[in-house]
């Protein structure tokens, strides 16, 4: 049995910019219902038979801030948690 299950989610990234400065204000990943599952070698998995069809983890995206300090801290914390 595979050591890892890879979930592939289709969707898009929605980014909002300030109209005057063109700075990024916020961003979010908008997922669609279609997902696929693979093992670590790229082979298709039938997750219904494995019981992983309800596997979910939020698509949190780091939000920008004016001075970059919070963004840098969030990125650093994200790397520590991996």
PDB file of N, CA and C in Angstrom:
ATOM      1  N   UNK A   1       0.837  -1.194   0.000  1.00  0.00           N
ATOM      2  CA  UNK A   1       0.000   0.000   0.000  1.00  0.00           C
ATOM      3  C   UNK A   1       0.875   1.248   0.000  1.00  0.00           C
ATOM      4  N   UNK A   2       0.397   2.247  -0.607  1.00  0.00           N
ATOM      5  CA  UNK A   2       1.083   3.522  -0.749  1.00  0.00           C
ATOM      6  C   UNK A   2       1.300   4.204   0.603  1.00  0.00           C
ATOM      7  N   UNK A   3       2.415   4.893   0.775  1.00  0.00           N
ATOM      8  CA  UNK A   3       2.685   5.647   2.001  1.00  0.00           C
ATOM      9  C   UNK A   3       1.996   6.996   2.006  1.00  0.00           C
ATOM     10  N   UNK A   4       1.681   7.512   0.827  1.00  0.00           N
ATOM     11  CA  UNK A   4       1.062   8.835   0.723  1.00  0.00           C
ATOM     12  C   UNK A   4      -0.087   8.802  -0.276  1.00  0.00           C
ATOM     13  N   UNK A   5      -1.074   9.638   0.009  1.00  0.00           N
ATOM     14  CA  UNK A   5      -2.169   9.864  -0.923  1.00  0.00           C
ATOM     15  C   UNK A   5      -2.110  11.331  -1.328  1.00  0.00           C
ATOM     16  N   UNK A   6      -2.094  11.593  -2.610  1.00  0.00           N
ATOM     17  CA  UNK A   6      -2.017  12.951  -3.139  1.00  0.00           C
ATOM     18  C   UNK A   6      -3.407  13.362  -3.604  1.00  0.00           C
ATOM     19  N   UNK A   7      -3.918  14.475  -3.057  1.00  0.00           N
ATOM     20  CA  UNK A   7      -5.217  14.997  -3.469  1.00  0.00           C
ATOM     21  C   UNK A   7      -4.969  16.172  -4.411  1.00  0.00           C
ATOM     22  N   UNK A   8      -5.534  16.112  -5.601  1.00  0.00           N
ATOM     23  CA  UNK A   8      -5.370  17.161  -6.603  1.00  0.00           C
ATOM     24  C   UNK A   8      -6.710  17.874  -6.748  1.00  0.00           C
ATOM     25  N   UNK A   9      -6.733  19.158  -6.384  1.00  0.00           N
ATOM     26  CA  UNK A   9      -7.961  19.958  -6.432  1.00  0.00           C
ATOM     27  C   UNK A   9      -7.870  20.986  -7.542  1.00  0.00           C
ATOM     28  N   UNK A  10      -8.897  21.044  -8.363  1.00  0.00           N
ATOM     29  CA  UNK A  10      -8.975  22.070  -9.406  1.00  0.00           C
ATOM     30  C   UNK A  10      -9.562  23.347  -8.817  1.00  0.00           C
ATOM     31  N   UNK A  11      -9.216  24.479  -9.394  1.00  0.00           N
ATOM     32  CA  UNK A  11      -9.773  25.749  -8.957  1.00  0.00           C
ATOM     33  C   UNK A  11      -8.968  26.909  -9.500  1.00  0.00           C
ATOM     34  N   UNK A  12      -9.104  28.045  -8.830  1.00  0.00           N
ATOM     35  CA  UNK A  12      -8.378  29.234  -9.266  1.00  0.00           C
ATOM     36  C   UNK A  12      -8.038  30.098  -8.053  1.00  0.00           C
ATOM     37  N   UNK A  13      -7.115  31.006  -8.246  1.00  0.00           N
ATOM     38  CA  UNK A  13      -6.743  31.957  -7.205  1.00  0.00           C
ATOM     39  C   UNK A  13      -7.398  33.286  -7.532  1.00  0.00           C
ATOM     40  N   UNK A  14      -8.098  33.844  -6.550  1.00  0.00           N
ATOM     41  CA  UNK A  14      -8.755  35.153  -6.692  1.00  0.00           C
ATOM     42  C   UNK A  14      -7.927  36.156  -5.915  1.00  0.00           C
ATOM     43  N   UNK A  15      -7.386  37.163  -6.598  1.00  0.00           N
ATOM     44  CA  UNK A  15      -6.555  38.186  -5.963  1.00  0.00           C
ATOM     45  C   UNK A  15      -7.216  39.550  -6.095  1.00  0.00           C
ATOM     46  N   UNK A  16      -7.181  40.330  -5.006  1.00  0.00           N
ATOM     47  CA  UNK A  16      -7.746  41.669  -4.986  1.00  0.00           C
ATOM     48  C   UNK A  16      -6.598  42.664  -4.832  1.00  0.00           C
ATOM     49  N   UNK A  17      -6.571  43.691  -5.699  1.00  0.00           N
ATOM     50  CA  UNK A  17      -5.525  44.704  -5.683  1.00  0.00           C
ATOM     51  C   UNK A  17      -6.118  46.082  -5.392  1.00  0.00           C
ATOM     52  N   UNK A  18      -5.342  46.927  -4.722  1.00  0.00           N
ATOM     53  CA  UNK A  18      -5.723  48.328  -4.515  1.00  0.00           C
ATOM     54  C   UNK A  18      -5.655  49.015  -5.877  1.00  0.00           C
ATOM     55  N   UNK A  19      -6.714  49.723  -6.270  1.00  0.00           N
ATOM     56  CA  UNK A  19      -6.779  50.336  -7.595  1.00  0.00           C
ATOM     57  C   UNK A  19      -5.781  51.470  -7.767  1.00  0.00           C
ATOM     58  N   UNK A  20      -5.414  52.132  -6.670  1.00  0.00           N
ATOM     59  CA  UNK A  20      -4.471  53.257  -6.784  1.00  0.00           C
ATOM     60  C   UNK A  20      -3.018  52.811  -6.764  1.00  0.00           C
ATOM     61  N   UNK A  21      -2.674  51.896  -5.834  1.00  0.00           N
ATOM     62  CA  UNK A  21      -1.273  51.512  -5.661  1.00  0.00           C
ATOM     63  C   UNK A  21      -0.914  50.212  -6.358  1.00  0.00           C
ATOM     64  N   UNK A  22      -1.929  49.468  -6.780  1.00  0.00           N
ATOM     65  CA  UNK A  22      -1.760  48.143  -7.385  1.00  0.00           C
ATOM     66  C   UNK A  22      -1.127  47.136  -6.435  1.00  0.00           C
ATOM     67  N   UNK A  23      -1.192  47.399  -5.118  1.00  0.00           N
ATOM     68  CA  UNK A  23      -0.694  46.456  -4.122  1.00  0.00           C
ATOM     69  C   UNK A  23      -1.733  45.369  -3.876  1.00  0.00           C
ATOM     70  N   UNK A  24      -1.256  44.160  -3.610  1.00  0.00           N
ATOM     71  CA  UNK A  24      -2.133  43.048  -3.316  1.00  0.00           C
ATOM     72  C   UNK A  24      -2.797  43.273  -1.961  1.00  0.00           C
ATOM     73  N   UNK A  25      -4.125  43.205  -1.934  1.00  0.00           N
ATOM     74  CA  UNK A  25      -4.887  43.419  -0.702  1.00  0.00           C
ATOM     75  C   UNK A  25      -5.246  42.078  -0.061  1.00  0.00           C
ATOM     76  N   UNK A  26      -5.699  41.118  -0.859  1.00  0.00           N
ATOM     77  CA  UNK A  26      -6.052  39.804  -0.338  1.00  0.00           C
ATOM     78  C   UNK A  26      -6.021  38.785  -1.466  1.00  0.00           C
ATOM     79  N   UNK A  27      -6.028  37.521  -1.062  1.00  0.00           N
ATOM     80  CA  UNK A  27      -6.069  36.457  -2.051  1.00  0.00           C
ATOM     81  C   UNK A  27      -6.724  35.234  -1.426  1.00  0.00           C
ATOM     82  N   UNK A  28      -7.357  34.441  -2.274  1.00  0.00           N
ATOM     83  CA  UNK A  28      -7.997  33.218  -1.813  1.00  0.00           C
ATOM     84  C   UNK A  28      -7.986  32.196  -2.931  1.00  0.00           C
ATOM     85  N   UNK A  29      -7.958  30.930  -2.547  1.00  0.00           N
ATOM     86  CA  UNK A  29      -8.072  29.851  -3.510  1.00  0.00           C
ATOM     87  C   UNK A  29      -9.525  29.415  -3.545  1.00  0.00           C
ATOM     88  N   UNK A  30     -10.111  29.406  -4.730  1.00  0.00           N
ATOM     89  CA  UNK A  30     -11.500  28.996  -4.900  1.00  0.00           C
ATOM     90  C   UNK A  30     -11.477  27.627  -5.573  1.00  0.00           C
ATOM     91  N   UNK A  31     -11.813  26.599  -4.813  1.00  0.00           N
ATOM     92  CA  UNK A  31     -11.776  25.232  -5.330  1.00  0.00           C
ATOM     93  C   UNK A  31     -13.112  24.854  -5.944  1.00  0.00           C
ATOM     94  N   UNK A  32     -13.053  23.982  -6.924  1.00  0.00           N
ATOM     95  CA  UNK A  32     -14.274  23.416  -7.489  1.00  0.00           C
ATOM     96  C   UNK A  32     -14.468  22.020  -6.893  1.00  0.00           C
ATOM     97  N   UNK A  33     -15.591  21.406  -7.170  1.00  0.00           N
ATOM     98  CA  UNK A  33     -15.900  20.108  -6.569  1.00  0.00           C
ATOM     99  C   UNK A  33     -15.052  18.958  -7.110  1.00  0.00           C
ATOM    100  N   UNK A  34     -14.483  19.121  -8.275  1.00  0.00           N
ATOM    101  CA  UNK A  34     -13.726  18.031  -8.903  1.00  0.00           C
ATOM    102  C   UNK A  34     -12.363  17.859  -8.238  1.00  0.00           C
ATOM    103  N   UNK A  35     -12.103  16.680  -7.701  1.00  0.00           N
ATOM    104  CA  UNK A  35     -10.790  16.343  -7.148  1.00  0.00           C
ATOM    105  C   UNK A  35     -10.394  14.963  -7.644  1.00  0.00           C
ATOM    106  N   UNK A  36      -9.100  14.725  -7.655  1.00  0.00           N
ATOM    107  CA  UNK A  36      -8.564  13.418  -8.008  1.00  0.00           C
ATOM    108  C   UNK A  36      -7.584  13.010  -6.931  1.00  0.00           C
ATOM    109  N   UNK A  37      -7.371  11.709  -6.794  1.00  0.00           N
ATOM    110  CA  UNK A  37      -6.430  11.188  -5.818  1.00  0.00           C
ATOM    111  C   UNK A  37      -5.426  10.290  -6.527  1.00  0.00           C
ATOM    112  N   UNK A  38      -4.162  10.394  -6.107  1.00  0.00           N
ATOM    113  CA  UNK A  38      -3.079   9.587  -6.668  1.00  0.00           C
ATOM    114  C   UNK A  38      -2.202   9.081  -5.540  1.00  0.00           C
ATOM    115  N   UNK A  39      -1.432   8.033  -5.830  1.00  0.00           N
ATOM    116  CA  UNK A  39      -0.392   7.642  -4.893  1.00  0.00           C
ATOM    117  C   UNK A  39       0.859   8.467  -5.217  1.00  0.00           C
ATOM    118  N   UNK A  40       1.926   8.268  -4.452  1.00  0.00           N
ATOM    119  CA  UNK A  40       3.121   9.090  -4.657  1.00  0.00           C
ATOM    120  C   UNK A  40       3.805   8.852  -5.996  1.00  0.00           C
ATOM    121  N   UNK A  41       3.426   7.766  -6.695  1.00  0.00           N
ATOM    122  CA  UNK A  41       3.989   7.489  -8.016  1.00  0.00           C
ATOM    123  C   UNK A  41       3.124   8.031  -9.151  1.00  0.00           C
ATOM    124  N   UNK A  42       2.001   8.691  -8.803  1.00  0.00           N
ATOM    125  CA  UNK A  42       1.134   9.274  -9.817  1.00  0.00           C
ATOM    126  C   UNK A  42       0.053   8.348 -10.335  1.00  0.00           C
ATOM    127  N   UNK A  43      -0.105   7.202  -9.702  1.00  0.00           N
ATOM    128  CA  UNK A  43      -1.147   6.254 -10.113  1.00  0.00           C
ATOM    129  C   UNK A  43      -2.492   6.669  -9.515  1.00  0.00           C
ATOM    130  N   UNK A  44      -3.540   6.616 -10.333  1.00  0.00           N
ATOM    131  CA  UNK A  44      -4.880   6.993  -9.887  1.00  0.00           C
ATOM    132  C   UNK A  44      -5.341   6.084  -8.748  1.00  0.00           C
ATOM    133  N   UNK A  45      -5.983   6.677  -7.733  1.00  0.00           N
ATOM    134  CA  UNK A  45      -6.552   5.923  -6.621  1.00  0.00           C
ATOM    135  C   UNK A  45      -8.057   6.113  -6.584  1.00  0.00           C
ATOM    136  N   UNK A  46      -8.762   5.047  -6.294  1.00  0.00           N
ATOM    137  CA  UNK A  46     -10.210   5.125  -6.077  1.00  0.00           C
ATOM    138  C   UNK A  46     -10.418   5.355  -4.587  1.00  0.00           C
ATOM    139  N   UNK A  47     -10.603   6.615  -4.217  1.00  0.00           N
ATOM    140  CA  UNK A  47     -10.675   6.949  -2.799  1.00  0.00           C
ATOM    141  C   UNK A  47     -11.942   6.453  -2.132  1.00  0.00           C
ATOM    142  N   UNK A  48     -12.976   6.180  -2.896  1.00  0.00           N
ATOM    143  CA  UNK A  48     -14.187   5.620  -2.284  1.00  0.00           C
ATOM    144  C   UNK A  48     -13.871   4.276  -1.633  1.00  0.00           C
ATOM    145  N   UNK A  49     -13.052   3.481  -2.288  1.00  0.00           N
ATOM    146  CA  UNK A  49     -12.702   2.168  -1.732  1.00  0.00           C
ATOM    147  C   UNK A  49     -11.691   2.288  -0.594  1.00  0.00           C
ATOM    148  N   UNK A  50     -10.943   3.393  -0.539  1.00  0.00           N
ATOM    149  CA  UNK A  50      -9.966   3.601   0.536  1.00  0.00           C
ATOM    150  C   UNK A  50     -10.552   4.368   1.715  1.00  0.00           C
ATOM    151  N   UNK A  51     -11.736   4.978   1.520  1.00  0.00           N
ATOM    152  CA  UNK A  51     -12.357   5.741   2.598  1.00  0.00           C
ATOM    153  C   UNK A  51     -11.815   7.146   2.759  1.00  0.00           C
ATOM    154  N   UNK A  52     -11.178   7.697   1.727  1.00  0.00           N
ATOM    155  CA  UNK A  52     -10.575   9.029   1.850  1.00  0.00           C
ATOM    156  C   UNK A  52     -11.329  10.102   1.062  1.00  0.00           C
ATOM    157  N   UNK A  53     -12.562   9.799   0.617  1.00  0.00           N
ATOM    158  CA  UNK A  53     -13.296  10.780  -0.180  1.00  0.00           C
ATOM    159  C   UNK A  53     -13.646  12.034   0.611  1.00  0.00           C
ATOM    160  N   UNK A  54     -13.663  11.944   1.940  1.00  0.00           N
ATOM    161  CA  UNK A  54     -13.989  13.109   2.767  1.00  0.00           C
ATOM    162  C   UNK A  54     -12.753  13.816   3.319  1.00  0.00           C
ATOM    163  N   UNK A  55     -11.560  13.456   2.845  1.00  0.00           N
ATOM    164  CA  UNK A  55     -10.329  14.104   3.305  1.00  0.00           C
ATOM    165  C   UNK A  55     -10.359  15.571   2.894  1.00  0.00           C
ATOM    166  N   UNK A  56     -10.180  16.456   3.858  1.00  0.00           N
ATOM    167  CA  UNK A  56     -10.210  17.892   3.566  1.00  0.00           C
ATOM    168  C   UNK A  56      -9.229  18.628   4.466  1.00  0.00           C
ATOM    169  N   UNK A  57      -8.552  19.577   3.893  1.00  0.00           N
ATOM    170  CA  UNK A  57      -7.700  20.506   4.629  1.00  0.00           C
ATOM    171  C   UNK A  57      -7.910  21.866   3.971  1.00  0.00           C
ATOM    172  N   UNK A  58      -8.105  22.927   4.761  1.00  0.00           N
ATOM    173  CA  UNK A  58      -8.398  24.233   4.165  1.00  0.00           C
ATOM    174  C   UNK A  58      -7.255  24.750   3.291  1.00  0.00           C
ATOM    175  N   UNK A  59      -7.640  25.514   2.282  1.00  0.00           N
ATOM    176  CA  UNK A  59      -6.672  26.131   1.375  1.00  0.00           C
ATOM    177  C   UNK A  59      -6.313  27.518   1.882  1.00  0.00           C
ATOM    178  N   UNK A  60      -5.736  27.590   3.070  1.00  0.00           N
ATOM    179  CA  UNK A  60      -5.363  28.889   3.638  1.00  0.00           C
ATOM    180  C   UNK A  60      -4.227  29.494   2.823  1.00  0.00           C
ATOM    181  N   UNK A  61      -4.372  30.757   2.494  1.00  0.00           N
ATOM    182  CA  UNK A  61      -3.325  31.473   1.775  1.00  0.00           C
ATOM    183  C   UNK A  61      -2.855  32.631   2.641  1.00  0.00           C
ATOM    184  N   UNK A  62      -1.551  32.856   2.674  1.00  0.00           N
ATOM    185  CA  UNK A  62      -0.990  33.951   3.461  1.00  0.00           C
ATOM    186  C   UNK A  62      -1.425  35.268   2.846  1.00  0.00           C
ATOM    187  N   UNK A  63      -1.990  36.137   3.680  1.00  0.00           N
ATOM    188  CA  UNK A  63      -2.468  37.433   3.212  1.00  0.00           C
ATOM    189  C   UNK A  63      -1.354  38.474   3.312  1.00  0.00           C
ATOM    190  N   UNK A  64      -1.320  39.406   2.376  1.00  0.00           N
ATOM    191  CA  UNK A  64      -0.298  40.457   2.404  1.00  0.00           C
ATOM    192  C   UNK A  64      -0.586  41.471   3.512  1.00  0.00           C
ATOM    193  N   UNK A  65       0.481  42.153   3.953  1.00  0.00           N
ATOM    194  CA  UNK A  65       0.298  43.267   4.871  1.00  0.00           C
ATOM    195  C   UNK A  65       1.165  44.423   4.396  1.00  0.00           C
ATOM    196  N   UNK A  66       0.930  45.593   4.929  1.00  0.00           N
ATOM    197  CA  UNK A  66       1.571  46.802   4.410  1.00  0.00           C
ATOM    198  C   UNK A  66       3.090  46.798   4.549  1.00  0.00           C
ATOM    199  N   UNK A  67       3.616  46.349   5.713  1.00  0.00           N
ATOM    200  CA  UNK A  67       5.061  46.453   5.920  1.00  0.00           C
ATOM    201  C   UNK A  67       5.819  45.152   5.681  1.00  0.00           C
ATOM    202  N   UNK A  68       5.120  44.074   5.426  1.00  0.00           N
ATOM    203  CA  UNK A  68       5.784  42.814   5.124  1.00  0.00           C
ATOM    204  C   UNK A  68       6.205  42.013   6.333  1.00  0.00           C
ATOM    205  N   UNK A  69       6.097  42.571   7.518  1.00  0.00           N
ATOM    206  CA  UNK A  69       6.564  41.889   8.723  1.00  0.00           C
ATOM    207  C   UNK A  69       5.692  40.672   9.012  1.00  0.00           C
ATOM    208  N   UNK A  70       4.383  40.849   9.049  1.00  0.00           N
ATOM    209  CA  UNK A  70       3.491  39.741   9.343  1.00  0.00           C
ATOM    210  C   UNK A  70       3.578  38.666   8.267  1.00  0.00           C
ATOM    211  N   UNK A  71       3.725  39.069   7.028  1.00  0.00           N
ATOM    212  CA  UNK A  71       3.850  38.129   5.924  1.00  0.00           C
ATOM    213  C   UNK A  71       5.090  37.266   6.111  1.00  0.00           C
ATOM    214  N   UNK A  72       6.210  37.881   6.479  1.00  0.00           N
ATOM    215  CA  UNK A  72       7.455  37.148   6.700  1.00  0.00           C
ATOM    216  C   UNK A  72       7.313  36.180   7.878  1.00  0.00           C
ATOM    217  N   UNK A  73       6.663  36.618   8.964  1.00  0.00           N
ATOM    218  CA  UNK A  73       6.456  35.754  10.125  1.00  0.00           C
ATOM    219  C   UNK A  73       5.570  34.566   9.766  1.00  0.00           C
ATOM    220  N   UNK A  74       4.518  34.812   9.021  1.00  0.00           N
ATOM    221  CA  UNK A  74       3.602  33.745   8.628  1.00  0.00           C
ATOM    222  C   UNK A  74       4.318  32.720   7.756  1.00  0.00           C
ATOM    223  N   UNK A  75       5.138  33.192   6.832  1.00  0.00           N
ATOM    224  CA  UNK A  75       5.895  32.291   5.950  1.00  0.00           C
ATOM    225  C   UNK A  75       6.879  31.466   6.762  1.00  0.00           C
ATOM    226  N   UNK A  76       7.553  32.101   7.699  1.00  0.00           N
ATOM    227  CA  UNK A  76       8.524  31.417   8.547  1.00  0.00           C
ATOM    228  C   UNK A  76       7.827  30.345   9.392  1.00  0.00           C
ATOM    229  N   UNK A  77       6.682  30.672   9.979  1.00  0.00           N
ATOM    230  CA  UNK A  77       5.923  29.717  10.781  1.00  0.00           C
ATOM    231  C   UNK A  77       5.429  28.560   9.928  1.00  0.00           C
ATOM    232  N   UNK A  78       5.012  28.862   8.702  1.00  0.00           N
ATOM    233  CA  UNK A  78       4.546  27.814   7.809  1.00  0.00           C
ATOM    234  C   UNK A  78       5.666  26.829   7.499  1.00  0.00           C
ATOM    235  N   UNK A  79       6.869  27.332   7.282  1.00  0.00           N
ATOM    236  CA  UNK A  79       8.010  26.447   7.013  1.00  0.00           C
ATOM    237  C   UNK A  79       8.348  25.594   8.217  1.00  0.00           C
ATOM    238  N   UNK A  80       8.245  26.149   9.425  1.00  0.00           N
ATOM    239  CA  UNK A  80       8.532  25.398  10.649  1.00  0.00           C
ATOM    240  C   UNK A  80       7.540  24.267  10.862  1.00  0.00           C
ATOM    241  N   UNK A  81       6.296  24.469  10.425  1.00  0.00           N
ATOM    242  CA  UNK A  81       5.246  23.475  10.654  1.00  0.00           C
ATOM    243  C   UNK A  81       5.237  22.352   9.632  1.00  0.00           C
ATOM    244  N   UNK A  82       6.084  22.405   8.632  1.00  0.00           N
ATOM    245  CA  UNK A  82       6.116  21.357   7.596  1.00  0.00           C
ATOM    246  C   UNK A  82       7.047  20.242   7.982  1.00  0.00           C
TER     247      UNK A  82
END
